[in-house]
């Protein structure tokens, strides 16, 4: 359970640093990874059809991740 809590905290913290978002062009569009300070990928987006869609996705993560509700379904 502690590892899960650590992962959530890492996501919340790293989502506030734009340099933690790695953007990629893929054959079907654009996507991004959210990386921790050690370089480990801690989140991967869906594939977006447009660059603006991907940028909106990053903005949404930055805005919502810090206060996103946590539901324990275990």
PDB file of N, CA and C in Angstrom:
ATOM      1  N   UNK A   1       0.822  -1.193   0.000  1.00  0.00           N
ATOM      2  CA  UNK A   1       0.000   0.000   0.000  1.00  0.00           C
ATOM      3  C   UNK A   1       0.870   1.262   0.000  1.00  0.00           C
ATOM      4  N   UNK A   2       1.998   1.216   0.699  1.00  0.00           N
ATOM      5  CA  UNK A   2       2.865   2.390   0.755  1.00  0.00           C
ATOM      6  C   UNK A   2       3.444   2.717  -0.620  1.00  0.00           C
ATOM      7  N   UNK A   3       3.782   1.690  -1.396  1.00  0.00           N
ATOM      8  CA  UNK A   3       4.312   1.925  -2.742  1.00  0.00           C
ATOM      9  C   UNK A   3       3.284   2.652  -3.609  1.00  0.00           C
ATOM     10  N   UNK A   4       2.035   2.290  -3.451  1.00  0.00           N
ATOM     11  CA  UNK A   4       0.959   2.947  -4.195  1.00  0.00           C
ATOM     12  C   UNK A   4       0.870   4.419  -3.793  1.00  0.00           C
ATOM     13  N   UNK A   5       0.907   4.680  -2.501  1.00  0.00           N
ATOM     14  CA  UNK A   5       0.852   6.059  -2.011  1.00  0.00           C
ATOM     15  C   UNK A   5       2.050   6.864  -2.510  1.00  0.00           C
ATOM     16  N   UNK A   6       3.217   6.236  -2.540  1.00  0.00           N
ATOM     17  CA  UNK A   6       4.408   6.916  -3.045  1.00  0.00           C
ATOM     18  C   UNK A   6       4.253   7.265  -4.523  1.00  0.00           C
ATOM     19  N   UNK A   7       3.672   6.348  -5.296  1.00  0.00           N
ATOM     20  CA  UNK A   7       3.438   6.598  -6.716  1.00  0.00           C
ATOM     21  C   UNK A   7       2.478   7.750  -6.950  1.00  0.00           C
ATOM     22  N   UNK A   8       1.439   7.807  -6.148  1.00  0.00           N
ATOM     23  CA  UNK A   8       0.468   8.903  -6.254  1.00  0.00           C
ATOM     24  C   UNK A   8       1.143  10.228  -5.932  1.00  0.00           C
ATOM     25  N   UNK A   9       1.905  10.249  -4.855  1.00  0.00           N
ATOM     26  CA  UNK A   9       2.593  11.482  -4.464  1.00  0.00           C
ATOM     27  C   UNK A   9       3.595  11.919  -5.533  1.00  0.00           C
ATOM     28  N   UNK A  10       4.306  10.973  -6.120  1.00  0.00           N
ATOM     29  CA  UNK A  10       5.259  11.288  -7.183  1.00  0.00           C
ATOM     30  C   UNK A  10       4.542  11.884  -8.390  1.00  0.00           C
ATOM     31  N   UNK A  11       3.408  11.319  -8.744  1.00  0.00           N
ATOM     32  CA  UNK A  11       2.632  11.832  -9.871  1.00  0.00           C
ATOM     33  C   UNK A  11       2.151  13.245  -9.592  1.00  0.00           C
ATOM     34  N   UNK A  12       1.638  13.475  -8.407  1.00  0.00           N
ATOM     35  CA  UNK A  12       1.158  14.815  -8.054  1.00  0.00           C
ATOM     36  C   UNK A  12       2.289  15.837  -8.110  1.00  0.00           C
ATOM     37  N   UNK A  13       3.422  15.480  -7.547  1.00  0.00           N
ATOM     38  CA  UNK A  13       4.572  16.391  -7.503  1.00  0.00           C
ATOM     39  C   UNK A  13       5.129  16.657  -8.902  1.00  0.00           C
ATOM     40  N   UNK A  14       5.399  15.610  -9.640  1.00  0.00           N
ATOM     41  CA  UNK A  14       6.038  15.761 -10.947  1.00  0.00           C
ATOM     42  C   UNK A  14       5.123  16.376 -11.996  1.00  0.00           C
ATOM     43  N   UNK A  15       3.822  16.267 -11.803  1.00  0.00           N
ATOM     44  CA  UNK A  15       2.885  16.845 -12.768  1.00  0.00           C
ATOM     45  C   UNK A  15       2.924  18.368 -12.766  1.00  0.00           C
ATOM     46  N   UNK A  16       3.573  18.956 -11.784  1.00  0.00           N
ATOM     47  CA  UNK A  16       3.640  20.410 -11.698  1.00  0.00           C
ATOM     48  C   UNK A  16       4.880  20.994 -12.367  1.00  0.00           C
ATOM     49  N   UNK A  17       5.728  20.147 -12.901  1.00  0.00           N
ATOM     50  CA  UNK A  17       6.964  20.597 -13.549  1.00  0.00           C
ATOM     51  C   UNK A  17       6.892  20.288 -15.040  1.00  0.00           C
ATOM     52  N   UNK A  18       6.807  21.317 -15.855  1.00  0.00           N
ATOM     53  CA  UNK A  18       6.649  21.101 -17.298  1.00  0.00           C
ATOM     54  C   UNK A  18       7.801  20.296 -17.894  1.00  0.00           C
ATOM     55  N   UNK A  19       8.980  20.409 -17.296  1.00  0.00           N
ATOM     56  CA  UNK A  19      10.123  19.653 -17.827  1.00  0.00           C
ATOM     57  C   UNK A  19      10.002  18.153 -17.586  1.00  0.00           C
ATOM     58  N   UNK A  20       9.042  17.717 -16.790  1.00  0.00           N
ATOM     59  CA  UNK A  20       8.834  16.289 -16.537  1.00  0.00           C
ATOM     60  C   UNK A  20       7.981  15.632 -17.624  1.00  0.00           C
ATOM     61  N   UNK A  21       7.414  16.437 -18.519  1.00  0.00           N
ATOM     62  CA  UNK A  21       6.591  15.905 -19.604  1.00  0.00           C
ATOM     63  C   UNK A  21       7.459  15.718 -20.839  1.00  0.00           C
ATOM     64  N   UNK A  22       7.523  14.489 -21.309  1.00  0.00           N
ATOM     65  CA  UNK A  22       8.265  14.155 -22.519  1.00  0.00           C
ATOM     66  C   UNK A  22       7.243  13.938 -23.632  1.00  0.00           C
ATOM     67  N   UNK A  23       7.310  14.748 -24.673  1.00  0.00           N
ATOM     68  CA  UNK A  23       6.355  14.626 -25.774  1.00  0.00           C
ATOM     69  C   UNK A  23       6.955  13.784 -26.889  1.00  0.00           C
ATOM     70  N   UNK A  24       6.068  13.062 -27.579  1.00  0.00           N
ATOM     71  CA  UNK A  24       6.518  12.170 -28.652  1.00  0.00           C
ATOM     72  C   UNK A  24       5.559  12.248 -29.827  1.00  0.00           C
ATOM     73  N   UNK A  25       6.140  12.223 -31.013  1.00  0.00           N
ATOM     74  CA  UNK A  25       5.357  12.052 -32.234  1.00  0.00           C
ATOM     75  C   UNK A  25       5.390  10.571 -32.565  1.00  0.00           C
ATOM     76  N   UNK A  26       4.219   9.993 -32.758  1.00  0.00           N
ATOM     77  CA  UNK A  26       4.118   8.581 -33.126  1.00  0.00           C
ATOM     78  C   UNK A  26       3.379   8.493 -34.456  1.00  0.00           C
ATOM     79  N   UNK A  27       3.384   7.336 -35.056  1.00  0.00           N
ATOM     80  CA  UNK A  27       2.792   7.159 -36.387  1.00  0.00           C
ATOM     81  C   UNK A  27       1.335   7.607 -36.443  1.00  0.00           C
ATOM     82  N   UNK A  28       0.613   7.458 -35.334  1.00  0.00           N
ATOM     83  CA  UNK A  28      -0.815   7.771 -35.330  1.00  0.00           C
ATOM     84  C   UNK A  28      -1.147   9.105 -34.678  1.00  0.00           C
ATOM     85  N   UNK A  29      -0.139   9.887 -34.267  1.00  0.00           N
ATOM     86  CA  UNK A  29      -0.414  11.187 -33.660  1.00  0.00           C
ATOM     87  C   UNK A  29       0.657  11.620 -32.679  1.00  0.00           C
ATOM     88  N   UNK A  30       0.205  12.110 -31.533  1.00  0.00           N
ATOM     89  CA  UNK A  30       1.099  12.674 -30.521  1.00  0.00           C
ATOM     90  C   UNK A  30       0.730  12.104 -29.153  1.00  0.00           C
ATOM     91  N   UNK A  31       1.739  11.904 -28.312  1.00  0.00           N
ATOM     92  CA  UNK A  31       1.482  11.443 -26.952  1.00  0.00           C
ATOM     93  C   UNK A  31       2.549  12.007 -26.036  1.00  0.00           C
ATOM     94  N   UNK A  32       2.345  11.845 -24.719  1.00  0.00           N
ATOM     95  CA  UNK A  32       3.347  12.297 -23.765  1.00  0.00           C
ATOM     96  C   UNK A  32       3.512  11.284 -22.647  1.00  0.00           C
ATOM     97  N   UNK A  33       4.700  11.320 -22.067  1.00  0.00           N
ATOM     98  CA  UNK A  33       4.997  10.568 -20.852  1.00  0.00           C
ATOM     99  C   UNK A  33       5.262  11.567 -19.745  1.00  0.00           C
ATOM    100  N   UNK A  34       4.856  11.223 -18.534  1.00  0.00           N
ATOM    101  CA  UNK A  34       5.222  11.982 -17.346  1.00  0.00           C
ATOM    102  C   UNK A  34       6.323  11.196 -16.665  1.00  0.00           C
ATOM    103  N   UNK A  35       7.442  11.862 -16.389  1.00  0.00           N
ATOM    104  CA  UNK A  35       8.591  11.179 -15.805  1.00  0.00           C
ATOM    105  C   UNK A  35       8.888  11.706 -14.406  1.00  0.00           C
ATOM    106  N   UNK A  36       9.362  10.806 -13.558  1.00  0.00           N
ATOM    107  CA  UNK A  36       9.821  11.172 -12.221  1.00  0.00           C
ATOM    108  C   UNK A  36      11.206  11.796 -12.327  1.00  0.00           C
ATOM    109  N   UNK A  37      11.699  12.330 -11.230  1.00  0.00           N
ATOM    110  CA  UNK A  37      13.015  12.971 -11.241  1.00  0.00           C
ATOM    111  C   UNK A  37      14.131  12.001 -11.603  1.00  0.00           C
ATOM    112  N   UNK A  38      13.921  10.707 -11.374  1.00  0.00           N
ATOM    113  CA  UNK A  38      14.942   9.706 -11.722  1.00  0.00           C
ATOM    114  C   UNK A  38      14.827   9.236 -13.171  1.00  0.00           C
ATOM    115  N   UNK A  39      13.904   9.812 -13.933  1.00  0.00           N
ATOM    116  CA  UNK A  39      13.737   9.468 -15.339  1.00  0.00           C
ATOM    117  C   UNK A  39      12.748   8.353 -15.614  1.00  0.00           C
ATOM    118  N   UNK A  40      12.230   7.731 -14.563  1.00  0.00           N
ATOM    119  CA  UNK A  40      11.265   6.644 -14.737  1.00  0.00           C
ATOM    120  C   UNK A  40       9.930   7.202 -15.217  1.00  0.00           C
ATOM    121  N   UNK A  41       9.339   6.547 -16.217  1.00  0.00           N
ATOM    122  CA  UNK A  41       8.016   6.939 -16.703  1.00  0.00           C
ATOM    123  C   UNK A  41       6.985   6.542 -15.651  1.00  0.00           C
ATOM    124  N   UNK A  42       6.198   7.522 -15.209  1.00  0.00           N
ATOM    125  CA  UNK A  42       5.166   7.258 -14.201  1.00  0.00           C
ATOM    126  C   UNK A  42       3.763   7.453 -14.760  1.00  0.00           C
ATOM    127  N   UNK A  43       3.683   7.878 -16.014  1.00  0.00           N
ATOM    128  CA  UNK A  43       2.388   8.014 -16.661  1.00  0.00           C
ATOM    129  C   UNK A  43       2.553   8.180 -18.155  1.00  0.00           C
ATOM    130  N   UNK A  44       1.630   7.621 -18.919  1.00  0.00           N
ATOM    131  CA  UNK A  44       1.635   7.730 -20.375  1.00  0.00           C
ATOM    132  C   UNK A  44       0.239   8.120 -20.837  1.00  0.00           C
ATOM    133  N   UNK A  45       0.175   9.079 -21.729  1.00  0.00           N
ATOM    134  CA  UNK A  45      -1.117   9.560 -22.217  1.00  0.00           C
ATOM    135  C   UNK A  45      -1.678   8.660 -23.302  1.00  0.00           C
ATOM    136  N   UNK A  46      -2.895   8.964 -23.663  1.00  0.00           N
ATOM    137  CA  UNK A  46      -3.479   8.393 -24.869  1.00  0.00           C
ATOM    138  C   UNK A  46      -2.770   9.016 -26.070  1.00  0.00           C
ATOM    139  N   UNK A  47      -3.036   8.529 -27.263  1.00  0.00           N
ATOM    140  CA  UNK A  47      -2.503   9.139 -28.480  1.00  0.00           C
ATOM    141  C   UNK A  47      -3.518  10.179 -28.951  1.00  0.00           C
ATOM    142  N   UNK A  48      -3.036  11.390 -29.155  1.00  0.00           N
ATOM    143  CA  UNK A  48      -3.876  12.499 -29.601  1.00  0.00           C
ATOM    144  C   UNK A  48      -3.711  12.691 -31.101  1.00  0.00           C
ATOM    145  N   UNK A  49      -4.794  13.092 -31.762  1.00  0.00           N
ATOM    146  CA  UNK A  49      -4.751  13.337 -33.206  1.00  0.00           C
ATOM    147  C   UNK A  49      -3.986  14.600 -33.552  1.00  0.00           C
ATOM    148  N   UNK A  50      -3.954  15.550 -32.622  1.00  0.00           N
ATOM    149  CA  UNK A  50      -3.323  16.836 -32.920  1.00  0.00           C
ATOM    150  C   UNK A  50      -2.361  17.236 -31.809  1.00  0.00           C
ATOM    151  N   UNK A  51      -1.437  18.101 -32.156  1.00  0.00           N
ATOM    152  CA  UNK A  51      -0.489  18.637 -31.190  1.00  0.00           C
ATOM    153  C   UNK A  51      -1.215  19.469 -30.141  1.00  0.00           C
ATOM    154  N   UNK A  52      -2.208  20.232 -30.568  1.00  0.00           N
ATOM    155  CA  UNK A  52      -2.963  21.045 -29.609  1.00  0.00           C
ATOM    156  C   UNK A  52      -3.738  20.163 -28.638  1.00  0.00           C
ATOM    157  N   UNK A  53      -4.252  19.040 -29.106  1.00  0.00           N
ATOM    158  CA  UNK A  53      -4.934  18.104 -28.213  1.00  0.00           C
ATOM    159  C   UNK A  53      -3.992  17.558 -27.160  1.00  0.00           C
ATOM    160  N   UNK A  54      -2.774  17.210 -27.571  1.00  0.00           N
ATOM    161  CA  UNK A  54      -1.786  16.716 -26.616  1.00  0.00           C
ATOM    162  C   UNK A  54      -1.431  17.802 -25.604  1.00  0.00           C
ATOM    163  N   UNK A  55      -1.239  19.025 -26.081  1.00  0.00           N
ATOM    164  CA  UNK A  55      -0.915  20.119 -25.168  1.00  0.00           C
ATOM    165  C   UNK A  55      -2.050  20.385 -24.189  1.00  0.00           C
ATOM    166  N   UNK A  56      -3.288  20.251 -24.642  1.00  0.00           N
ATOM    167  CA  UNK A  56      -4.433  20.381 -23.736  1.00  0.00           C
ATOM    168  C   UNK A  56      -4.426  19.263 -22.700  1.00  0.00           C
ATOM    169  N   UNK A  57      -4.031  18.062 -23.107  1.00  0.00           N
ATOM    170  CA  UNK A  57      -3.927  16.945 -22.170  1.00  0.00           C
ATOM    171  C   UNK A  57      -2.896  17.207 -21.088  1.00  0.00           C
ATOM    172  N   UNK A  58      -1.746  17.735 -21.476  1.00  0.00           N
ATOM    173  CA  UNK A  58      -0.705  18.081 -20.504  1.00  0.00           C
ATOM    174  C   UNK A  58      -1.226  19.142 -19.540  1.00  0.00           C
ATOM    175  N   UNK A  59      -1.888  20.155 -20.070  1.00  0.00           N
ATOM    176  CA  UNK A  59      -2.449  21.212 -19.222  1.00  0.00           C
ATOM    177  C   UNK A  59      -3.457  20.654 -18.231  1.00  0.00           C
ATOM    178  N   UNK A  60      -4.261  19.708 -18.683  1.00  0.00           N
ATOM    179  CA  UNK A  60      -5.253  19.089 -17.809  1.00  0.00           C
ATOM    180  C   UNK A  60      -4.597  18.310 -16.675  1.00  0.00           C
ATOM    181  N   UNK A  61      -3.550  17.562 -16.995  1.00  0.00           N
ATOM    182  CA  UNK A  61      -2.831  16.818 -15.955  1.00  0.00           C
ATOM    183  C   UNK A  61      -2.227  17.793 -14.952  1.00  0.00           C
ATOM    184  N   UNK A  62      -1.612  18.855 -15.440  1.00  0.00           N
ATOM    185  CA  UNK A  62      -0.987  19.832 -14.550  1.00  0.00           C
ATOM    186  C   UNK A  62      -2.020  20.487 -13.633  1.00  0.00           C
ATOM    187  N   UNK A  63      -3.202  20.732 -14.169  1.00  0.00           N
ATOM    188  CA  UNK A  63      -4.257  21.388 -13.393  1.00  0.00           C
ATOM    189  C   UNK A  63      -4.913  20.435 -12.397  1.00  0.00           C
ATOM    190  N   UNK A  64      -5.189  19.212 -12.814  1.00  0.00           N
ATOM    191  CA  UNK A  64      -6.031  18.322 -12.018  1.00  0.00           C
ATOM    192  C   UNK A  64      -5.298  17.322 -11.135  1.00  0.00           C
ATOM    193  N   UNK A  65      -4.088  16.937 -11.479  1.00  0.00           N
ATOM    194  CA  UNK A  65      -3.391  15.890 -10.721  1.00  0.00           C
ATOM    195  C   UNK A  65      -3.196  16.216  -9.241  1.00  0.00           C
ATOM    196  N   UNK A  66      -2.831  17.452  -8.886  1.00  0.00           N
ATOM    197  CA  UNK A  66      -2.549  17.709  -7.471  1.00  0.00           C
ATOM    198  C   UNK A  66      -3.735  17.474  -6.534  1.00  0.00           C
ATOM    199  N   UNK A  67      -4.943  17.679  -7.011  1.00  0.00           N
ATOM    200  CA  UNK A  67      -6.124  17.550  -6.156  1.00  0.00           C
ATOM    201  C   UNK A  67      -7.066  16.430  -6.597  1.00  0.00           C
ATOM    202  N   UNK A  68      -6.607  15.564  -7.493  1.00  0.00           N
ATOM    203  CA  UNK A  68      -7.466  14.479  -7.981  1.00  0.00           C
ATOM    204  C   UNK A  68      -7.865  13.570  -6.824  1.00  0.00           C
ATOM    205  N   UNK A  69      -9.133  13.184  -6.764  1.00  0.00           N
ATOM    206  CA  UNK A  69      -9.566  12.289  -5.687  1.00  0.00           C
ATOM    207  C   UNK A  69      -8.937  10.908  -5.832  1.00  0.00           C
ATOM    208  N   UNK A  70      -8.719  10.280  -4.707  1.00  0.00           N
ATOM    209  CA  UNK A  70      -8.159   8.929  -4.673  1.00  0.00           C
ATOM    210  C   UNK A  70      -9.230   7.999  -4.124  1.00  0.00           C
ATOM    211  N   UNK A  71      -9.551   6.970  -4.885  1.00  0.00           N
ATOM    212  CA  UNK A  71     -10.535   5.983  -4.457  1.00  0.00           C
ATOM    213  C   UNK A  71      -9.841   4.644  -4.270  1.00  0.00           C
ATOM    214  N   UNK A  72      -9.892   4.110  -3.078  1.00  0.00           N
ATOM    215  CA  UNK A  72      -9.293   2.807  -2.787  1.00  0.00           C
ATOM    216  C   UNK A  72     -10.341   1.740  -3.068  1.00  0.00           C
ATOM    217  N   UNK A  73     -10.167   0.999  -4.142  1.00  0.00           N
ATOM    218  CA  UNK A  73     -11.131  -0.025  -4.540  1.00  0.00           C
ATOM    219  C   UNK A  73     -10.655  -1.434  -4.192  1.00  0.00           C
ATOM    220  N   UNK A  74      -9.649  -1.509  -3.327  1.00  0.00           N
ATOM    221  CA  UNK A  74      -9.129  -2.836  -2.969  1.00  0.00           C
ATOM    222  C   UNK A  74     -10.051  -3.561  -2.010  1.00  0.00           C
TER     223      UNK A  74
END
